């Protein structure tokens, strides 16, 4: 499973975040080929009101036992079934 770290800007005046605030995120992608999934990753985030996306790091998680945080474990499991899952960190940059 591919894991991405990055940031994105919230593009809506509605929701739990403020318009224009940039937040960091972790994203799990079932397909290990980042280049092949970039358009789908962008569409996924834009559909959730995030844009100006910057991916700063990526790596592979071979199995769920490597993850220690409950929210990230839930996202990993979601990505196993839905191909993509994102965790947005609540603190604006």
Protein backbone atom coordinates (compact mmCIF):
# COMPACT_ATOMS: atom_id res chain seq x y z
CA UNK A 1 0.00 0.00 0.00
CA UNK A 2 1.35 3.41 -0.97
CA UNK A 3 1.30 6.13 1.70
CA UNK A 4 1.52 9.80 0.78
CA UNK A 5 2.28 12.77 2.99
CA UNK A 6 1.47 16.25 1.83
CA UNK A 7 -0.68 19.32 2.22
CA UNK A 8 -3.69 20.85 0.53
CA UNK A 9 -5.78 24.00 0.73
CA UNK A 10 -9.43 23.88 1.82
CA UNK A 11 -11.55 25.40 -0.96
CA UNK A 12 -15.00 25.73 0.62
CA UNK A 13 -16.63 28.31 2.87
CA UNK A 14 -18.61 25.48 4.48
CA UNK A 15 -17.33 22.62 6.59
CA UNK A 16 -15.16 22.14 9.62
CA UNK A 17 -12.14 23.90 8.08
CA UNK A 18 -11.68 27.54 7.05
CA UNK A 19 -11.61 28.57 3.41
CA UNK A 20 -8.01 28.94 2.26
CA UNK A 21 -6.40 27.16 5.21
CA UNK A 22 -3.71 24.66 4.29
CA UNK A 23 -3.65 21.36 6.18
CA UNK A 24 -1.32 18.39 6.09
CA UNK A 25 -2.64 14.97 5.18
CA UNK A 26 -1.75 11.30 4.97
CA UNK A 27 -3.26 9.29 2.16
CA UNK A 28 -3.28 5.57 1.47
CA UNK A 29 -3.42 4.39 -2.14
CA UNK A 30 -4.01 0.73 -2.90
CA UNK A 31 -2.05 0.89 -6.18
CA UNK A 32 1.70 1.28 -5.49
CA UNK A 33 2.29 3.27 -8.72
CA UNK A 34 2.01 6.94 -7.73
CA UNK A 35 2.35 8.24 -11.29
CA UNK A 36 -0.54 6.10 -12.49
CA UNK A 37 -2.80 7.35 -9.69
CA UNK A 38 -2.05 11.10 -9.64
CA UNK A 39 -5.19 12.13 -11.57
CA UNK A 40 -7.38 9.91 -9.39
CA UNK A 41 -5.75 11.25 -6.20
CA UNK A 42 -6.36 14.83 -7.33
CA UNK A 43 -10.00 14.10 -8.24
CA UNK A 44 -10.54 12.38 -4.87
CA UNK A 45 -9.22 15.38 -2.90
CA UNK A 46 -10.94 18.02 -5.08
CA UNK A 47 -14.27 16.20 -4.62
CA UNK A 48 -13.75 16.72 -0.88
CA UNK A 49 -13.01 20.47 -1.29
CA UNK A 50 -9.20 20.24 -1.20
CA UNK A 51 -6.97 21.71 -3.92
CA UNK A 52 -3.51 23.19 -4.44
CA UNK A 53 -2.26 19.76 -3.45
CA UNK A 54 1.39 19.20 -2.67
CA UNK A 55 2.76 15.70 -2.12
CA UNK A 56 5.93 16.00 -0.07
CA UNK A 57 6.78 12.36 0.63
CA UNK A 58 5.67 8.86 -0.23
CA UNK A 59 6.52 5.33 0.74
CA UNK A 60 5.18 1.82 1.03
CA UNK A 61 3.44 0.18 3.96
CA UNK A 62 3.73 -3.57 3.51
CA UNK A 63 1.24 -4.53 6.20
CA UNK A 64 -1.07 -2.94 8.71
CA UNK A 65 1.08 -4.02 11.69
CA UNK A 66 3.54 -1.26 10.71
CA UNK A 67 0.93 1.38 11.66
CA UNK A 68 0.45 2.39 15.29
CA UNK A 69 -2.22 5.12 15.13
CA UNK A 70 -5.92 4.06 15.19
CA UNK A 71 -7.07 6.66 12.67
CA UNK A 72 -4.35 5.66 10.21
CA UNK A 73 -5.20 1.99 10.70
CA UNK A 74 -8.83 2.78 9.83
CA UNK A 75 -7.71 4.70 6.72
CA UNK A 76 -5.46 1.83 5.65
CA UNK A 77 -8.38 -0.60 5.95
CA UNK A 78 -10.65 1.76 4.02
CA UNK A 79 -8.12 2.06 1.19
CA UNK A 80 -7.92 -1.75 0.99
CA UNK A 81 -11.60 -1.74 -0.01
CA UNK A 82 -12.07 1.65 -1.69
CA UNK A 83 -8.62 2.16 -3.34
CA UNK A 84 -8.01 5.57 -1.64
CA UNK A 85 -8.40 7.02 1.84
CA UNK A 86 -7.21 10.31 3.30
CA UNK A 87 -6.65 11.60 6.83
CA UNK A 88 -6.63 15.39 7.08
CA UNK A 89 -4.83 16.79 10.12
CA UNK A 90 -6.94 19.41 11.90
CA UNK A 91 -4.17 21.93 12.53
CA UNK A 92 -3.83 24.55 9.79
CA UNK A 93 -0.33 25.29 8.57
